[in-house]
Structures are given as structure tokens and as C-alpha cells.
Amino acid sequence: GGLIEYNADEDHLTGQWQARAFEPGPTMFAEWAIDGGIDGNTRRQPNAQASGKFLTEKK
């Protein structure tokens, strides 16, 4: 489950860390939230087909 992430995340804050603000947009997303991830060569979602439906509609 998700509890392993508490000890598996490699991000560590140091004294040089500075907060940043990101402008929401189509290129700002978390890859883990995309079904199947992102193809490393095409930078597109593998096996995604246009269906004419919103992403929030149930499969």
C-alpha cells in the first residue's frame, strides 16, 4: 500500500531548498496519476485511445 512511500521517497529537504509556485497547466501533473504512466520515448500515455468522453467518466 501507500504506507511504504513514507520511507521510499528519495526527496530530502536541505538548507538550500526554496519553495516554488507552479502555474496549473496541461504540462503540470503527477505521472503516477495517469493510468499506465507515460511512455519514456513518446511522452504520451501508452494504449490511450480517443473515446470522445471526459477523463472523469467511469470506464
PDB file of N, CA and C in Angstrom:
ATOM      1  N   GLY A   1       0.806  -1.198   0.000  1.00  0.00           N
ATOM      2  CA  GLY A   1       0.000   0.000   0.000  1.00  0.00           C
ATOM      3  C   GLY A   1       0.841   1.249   0.000  1.00  0.00           C
ATOM      4  N   GLY A   2       0.177   2.353   0.174  1.00  0.00           N
ATOM      5  CA  GLY A   2       0.826   3.655   0.134  1.00  0.00           C
ATOM      6  C   GLY A   2       1.733   3.948   1.307  1.00  0.00           C
ATOM      7  N   LEU A   3       1.637   3.161   2.385  1.00  0.00           N
ATOM      8  CA  LEU A   3       2.456   3.447   3.557  1.00  0.00           C
ATOM      9  C   LEU A   3       3.948   3.304   3.279  1.00  0.00           C
ATOM     10  N   ILE A   4       4.328   2.460   2.327  1.00  0.00           N
ATOM     11  CA  ILE A   4       5.747   2.287   2.016  1.00  0.00           C
ATOM     12  C   ILE A   4       6.357   3.582   1.509  1.00  0.00           C
ATOM     13  N   GLU A   5       5.550   4.461   0.919  1.00  0.00           N
ATOM     14  CA  GLU A   5       6.082   5.703   0.366  1.00  0.00           C
ATOM     15  C   GLU A   5       6.693   6.600   1.432  1.00  0.00           C
ATOM     16  N   TYR A   6       6.315   6.438   2.673  1.00  0.00           N
ATOM     17  CA  TYR A   6       6.895   7.271   3.722  1.00  0.00           C
ATOM     18  C   TYR A   6       8.399   7.049   3.852  1.00  0.00           C
ATOM     19  N   ASN A   7       8.874   5.856   3.537  1.00  0.00           N
ATOM     20  CA  ASN A   7      10.297   5.558   3.660  1.00  0.00           C
ATOM     21  C   ASN A   7      10.988   5.360   2.322  1.00  0.00           C
ATOM     22  N   ALA A   8      10.274   5.416   1.223  1.00  0.00           N
ATOM     23  CA  ALA A   8      10.859   5.138  -0.076  1.00  0.00           C
ATOM     24  C   ALA A   8      11.102   6.391  -0.911  1.00  0.00           C
ATOM     25  N   ASP A   9      10.608   7.528  -0.483  1.00  0.00           N
ATOM     26  CA  ASP A   9      10.770   8.754  -1.260  1.00  0.00           C
ATOM     27  C   ASP A   9      12.202   9.261  -1.123  1.00  0.00           C
ATOM     28  N   GLU A  10      12.853   9.527  -2.237  1.00  0.00           N
ATOM     29  CA  GLU A  10      14.244   9.967  -2.214  1.00  0.00           C
ATOM     30  C   GLU A  10      14.394  11.478  -2.063  1.00  0.00           C
ATOM     31  N   ASP A  11      13.306  12.217  -2.007  1.00  0.00           N
ATOM     32  CA  ASP A  11      13.388  13.668  -1.868  1.00  0.00           C
ATOM     33  C   ASP A  11      13.705  14.030  -0.427  1.00  0.00           C
ATOM     34  N   HIS A  12      14.711  14.859  -0.245  1.00  0.00           N
ATOM     35  CA  HIS A  12      15.097  15.332   1.082  1.00  0.00           C
ATOM     36  C   HIS A  12      15.284  16.837   1.020  1.00  0.00           C
ATOM     37  N   LEU A  13      14.793  17.550   2.008  1.00  0.00           N
ATOM     38  CA  LEU A  13      14.985  18.995   2.071  1.00  0.00           C
ATOM     39  C   LEU A  13      16.324  19.304   2.712  1.00  0.00           C
ATOM     40  N   THR A  14      16.998  20.290   2.150  1.00  0.00           N
ATOM     41  CA  THR A  14      18.254  20.766   2.715  1.00  0.00           C
ATOM     42  C   THR A  14      18.105  22.247   3.024  1.00  0.00           C
ATOM     43  N   GLY A  15      19.135  22.839   3.559  1.00  0.00           N
ATOM     44  CA  GLY A  15      19.114  24.264   3.859  1.00  0.00           C
ATOM     45  C   GLY A  15      18.994  25.135   2.618  1.00  0.00           C
ATOM     46  N   GLN A  16      19.325  24.586   1.445  1.00  0.00           N
ATOM     47  CA  GLN A  16      19.243  25.351   0.194  1.00  0.00           C
ATOM     48  C   GLN A  16      17.859  25.294  -0.457  1.00  0.00           C
ATOM     49  N   TRP A  17      16.957  24.491   0.083  1.00  0.00           N
ATOM     50  CA  TRP A  17      15.633  24.343  -0.511  1.00  0.00           C
ATOM     51  C   TRP A  17      14.866  25.652  -0.469  1.00  0.00           C
ATOM     52  N   GLN A  18      14.190  25.964  -1.570  1.00  0.00           N
ATOM     53  CA  GLN A  18      13.343  27.148  -1.644  1.00  0.00           C
ATOM     54  C   GLN A  18      11.988  26.732  -2.208  1.00  0.00           C
ATOM     55  N   ALA A  19      10.950  27.257  -1.603  1.00  0.00           N
ATOM     56  CA  ALA A  19       9.593  26.956  -2.081  1.00  0.00           C
ATOM     57  C   ALA A  19       9.379  27.593  -3.446  1.00  0.00           C
ATOM     58  N   ARG A  20       8.601  26.919  -4.291  1.00  0.00           N
ATOM     59  CA  ARG A  20       8.256  27.452  -5.611  1.00  0.00           C
ATOM     60  C   ARG A  20       6.760  27.304  -5.813  1.00  0.00           C
ATOM     61  N   ALA A  21       6.218  28.138  -6.656  1.00  0.00           N
ATOM     62  CA  ALA A  21       4.804  28.052  -7.028  1.00  0.00           C
ATOM     63  C   ALA A  21       4.739  27.623  -8.489  1.00  0.00           C
ATOM     64  N   PHE A  22       3.881  26.665  -8.781  1.00  0.00           N
ATOM     65  CA  PHE A  22       3.719  26.187 -10.145  1.00  0.00           C
ATOM     66  C   PHE A  22       2.375  26.653 -10.682  1.00  0.00           C
ATOM     67  N   GLU A  23       2.386  27.187 -11.876  1.00  0.00           N
ATOM     68  CA  GLU A  23       1.158  27.616 -12.537  1.00  0.00           C
ATOM     69  C   GLU A  23       0.459  26.374 -13.088  1.00  0.00           C
ATOM     70  N   PRO A  24      -0.807  26.143 -12.713  1.00  0.00           N
ATOM     71  CA  PRO A  24      -1.519  24.977 -13.248  1.00  0.00           C
ATOM     72  C   PRO A  24      -1.585  25.025 -14.776  1.00  0.00           C
ATOM     73  N   GLY A  25      -1.387  23.895 -15.409  1.00  0.00           N
ATOM     74  CA  GLY A  25      -1.457  23.831 -16.861  1.00  0.00           C
ATOM     75  C   GLY A  25      -1.380  22.392 -17.335  1.00  0.00           C
ATOM     76  N   PRO A  26      -1.491  22.194 -18.639  1.00  0.00           N
ATOM     77  CA  PRO A  26      -1.532  20.835 -19.181  1.00  0.00           C
ATOM     78  C   PRO A  26      -0.227  20.060 -19.019  1.00  0.00           C
ATOM     79  N   THR A  27       0.874  20.735 -18.740  1.00  0.00           N
ATOM     80  CA  THR A  27       2.140  20.032 -18.563  1.00  0.00           C
ATOM     81  C   THR A  27       2.498  19.828 -17.099  1.00  0.00           C
ATOM     82  N   MET A  28       1.659  20.293 -16.199  1.00  0.00           N
ATOM     83  CA  MET A  28       1.930  20.161 -14.765  1.00  0.00           C
ATOM     84  C   MET A  28       1.029  19.070 -14.197  1.00  0.00           C
ATOM     85  N   PHE A  29       1.584  17.889 -13.975  1.00  0.00           N
ATOM     86  CA  PHE A  29       0.795  16.773 -13.474  1.00  0.00           C
ATOM     87  C   PHE A  29       1.716  15.786 -12.775  1.00  0.00           C
ATOM     88  N   ALA A  30       1.128  14.903 -12.025  1.00  0.00           N
ATOM     89  CA  ALA A  30       1.882  13.822 -11.393  1.00  0.00           C
ATOM     90  C   ALA A  30       1.710  12.574 -12.252  1.00  0.00           C
ATOM     91  N   GLU A  31       2.811  12.016 -12.724  1.00  0.00           N
ATOM     92  CA  GLU A  31       2.726  10.871 -13.628  1.00  0.00           C
ATOM     93  C   GLU A  31       2.027   9.680 -12.990  1.00  0.00           C
ATOM     94  N   TRP A  32       2.158   9.501 -11.680  1.00  0.00           N
ATOM     95  CA  TRP A  32       1.522   8.365 -11.022  1.00  0.00           C
ATOM     96  C   TRP A  32       0.002   8.452 -11.111  1.00  0.00           C
ATOM     97  N   ALA A  33      -0.532   9.622 -11.413  1.00  0.00           N
ATOM     98  CA  ALA A  33      -1.979   9.790 -11.505  1.00  0.00           C
ATOM     99  C   ALA A  33      -2.517   9.405 -12.878  1.00  0.00           C
ATOM    100  N   ILE A  34      -1.643   9.055 -13.811  1.00  0.00           N
ATOM    101  CA  ILE A  34      -2.060   8.719 -15.171  1.00  0.00           C
ATOM    102  C   ILE A  34      -2.054   7.208 -15.327  1.00  0.00           C
ATOM    103  N   ASP A  35      -3.197   6.658 -15.700  1.00  0.00           N
ATOM    104  CA  ASP A  35      -3.346   5.216 -15.877  1.00  0.00           C
ATOM    105  C   ASP A  35      -2.328   4.710 -16.893  1.00  0.00           C
ATOM    106  N   GLY A  36      -1.419   3.854 -16.480  1.00  0.00           N
ATOM    107  CA  GLY A  36      -0.408   3.307 -17.370  1.00  0.00           C
ATOM    108  C   GLY A  36       0.861   4.133 -17.442  1.00  0.00           C
ATOM    109  N   GLY A  37       0.890   5.284 -16.780  1.00  0.00           N
ATOM    110  CA  GLY A  37       2.080   6.129 -16.792  1.00  0.00           C
ATOM    111  C   GLY A  37       2.282   6.834 -18.124  1.00  0.00           C
ATOM    112  N   ILE A  38       3.510   7.262 -18.367  1.00  0.00           N
ATOM    113  CA  ILE A  38       3.870   7.983 -19.584  1.00  0.00           C
ATOM    114  C   ILE A  38       4.998   7.225 -20.277  1.00  0.00           C
ATOM    115  N   ASP A  39       4.879   7.045 -21.593  1.00  0.00           N
ATOM    116  CA  ASP A  39       5.915   6.388 -22.374  1.00  0.00           C
ATOM    117  C   ASP A  39       7.171   7.261 -22.382  1.00  0.00           C
ATOM    118  N   GLY A  40       8.320   6.682 -22.074  1.00  0.00           N
ATOM    119  CA  GLY A  40       9.561   7.441 -21.996  1.00  0.00           C
ATOM    120  C   GLY A  40      10.053   7.977 -23.320  1.00  0.00           C
ATOM    121  N   ASN A  41       9.611   7.403 -24.437  1.00  0.00           N
ATOM    122  CA  ASN A  41      10.058   7.870 -25.753  1.00  0.00           C
ATOM    123  C   ASN A  41       9.097   8.875 -26.367  1.00  0.00           C
ATOM    124  N   THR A  42       7.819   8.588 -26.301  1.00  0.00           N
ATOM    125  CA  THR A  42       6.838   9.471 -26.939  1.00  0.00           C
ATOM    126  C   THR A  42       6.294  10.525 -25.991  1.00  0.00           C
ATOM    127  N   ARG A  43       6.489  10.329 -24.668  1.00  0.00           N
ATOM    128  CA  ARG A  43       5.944  11.210 -23.634  1.00  0.00           C
ATOM    129  C   ARG A  43       4.422  11.267 -23.718  1.00  0.00           C
ATOM    130  N   ARG A  44       3.811  10.186 -24.178  1.00  0.00           N
ATOM    131  CA  ARG A  44       2.356  10.071 -24.250  1.00  0.00           C
ATOM    132  C   ARG A  44       1.910   8.865 -23.434  1.00  0.00           C
ATOM    133  N   GLN A  45       0.620   8.844 -23.107  1.00  0.00           N
ATOM    134  CA  GLN A  45       0.060   7.724 -22.356  1.00  0.00           C
ATOM    135  C   GLN A  45      -0.060   6.520 -23.285  1.00  0.00           C
ATOM    136  N   PRO A  46       0.605   5.399 -22.943  1.00  0.00           N
ATOM    137  CA  PRO A  46       0.511   4.221 -23.805  1.00  0.00           C
ATOM    138  C   PRO A  46      -0.901   3.637 -23.803  1.00  0.00           C
ATOM    139  N   ASN A  47      -1.276   3.089 -24.924  1.00  0.00           N
ATOM    140  CA  ASN A  47      -2.571   2.420 -25.082  1.00  0.00           C
ATOM    141  C   ASN A  47      -3.762   3.338 -24.871  1.00  0.00           C
ATOM    142  N   ALA A  48      -3.579   4.641 -24.981  1.00  0.00           N
ATOM    143  CA  ALA A  48      -4.706   5.571 -24.831  1.00  0.00           C
ATOM    144  C   ALA A  48      -5.362   5.767 -26.194  1.00  0.00           C
ATOM    145  N   GLN A  49      -6.641   5.611 -26.227  1.00  0.00           N
ATOM    146  CA  GLN A  49      -7.406   5.799 -27.450  1.00  0.00           C
ATOM    147  C   GLN A  49      -8.408   6.926 -27.249  1.00  0.00           C
ATOM    148  N   ALA A  50      -8.602   7.729 -28.269  1.00  0.00           N
ATOM    149  CA  ALA A  50      -9.611   8.787 -28.190  1.00  0.00           C
ATOM    150  C   ALA A  50     -10.987   8.143 -28.109  1.00  0.00           C
ATOM    151  N   SER A  51     -11.776   8.527 -27.104  1.00  0.00           N
ATOM    152  CA  SER A  51     -13.091   7.912 -26.931  1.00  0.00           C
ATOM    153  C   SER A  51     -14.223   8.923 -27.019  1.00  0.00           C
ATOM    154  N   GLY A  52     -13.888  10.211 -27.047  1.00  0.00           N
ATOM    155  CA  GLY A  52     -14.924  11.232 -27.080  1.00  0.00           C
ATOM    156  C   GLY A  52     -15.573  11.460 -25.731  1.00  0.00           C
ATOM    157  N   LYS A  53     -14.983  10.906 -24.659  1.00  0.00           N
ATOM    158  CA  LYS A  53     -15.529  11.056 -23.313  1.00  0.00           C
ATOM    159  C   LYS A  53     -14.565  11.866 -22.457  1.00  0.00           C
ATOM    160  N   PHE A  54     -15.091  12.420 -21.383  1.00  0.00           N
ATOM    161  CA  PHE A  54     -14.248  13.109 -20.426  1.00  0.00           C
ATOM    162  C   PHE A  54     -13.454  12.084 -19.624  1.00  0.00           C
ATOM    163  N   LEU A  55     -12.254  12.455 -19.189  1.00  0.00           N
ATOM    164  CA  LEU A  55     -11.422  11.539 -18.413  1.00  0.00           C
ATOM    165  C   LEU A  55     -12.056  11.143 -17.097  1.00  0.00           C
ATOM    166  N   THR A  56     -12.973  11.973 -16.592  1.00  0.00           N
ATOM    167  CA  THR A  56     -13.600  11.688 -15.306  1.00  0.00           C
ATOM    168  C   THR A  56     -14.752  10.694 -15.408  1.00  0.00           C
ATOM    169  N   GLU A  57     -15.170  10.362 -16.629  1.00  0.00           N
ATOM    170  CA  GLU A  57     -16.247   9.385 -16.785  1.00  0.00           C
ATOM    171  C   GLU A  57     -15.722   7.996 -16.442  1.00  0.00           C
ATOM    172  N   LYS A  58     -16.539   7.211 -15.793  1.00  0.00           N
ATOM    173  CA  LYS A  58     -16.126   5.863 -15.400  1.00  0.00           C
ATOM    174  C   LYS A  58     -15.933   4.987 -16.621  1.00  0.00           C
ATOM    175  N   LYS A  59     -14.984   4.066 -16.502  1.00  0.00           N
ATOM    176  CA  LYS A  59     -14.688   3.140 -17.606  1.00  0.00           C
ATOM    177  C   LYS A  59     -15.741   2.077 -17.703  1.00  0.00           C
TER     178      LYS A  59
END
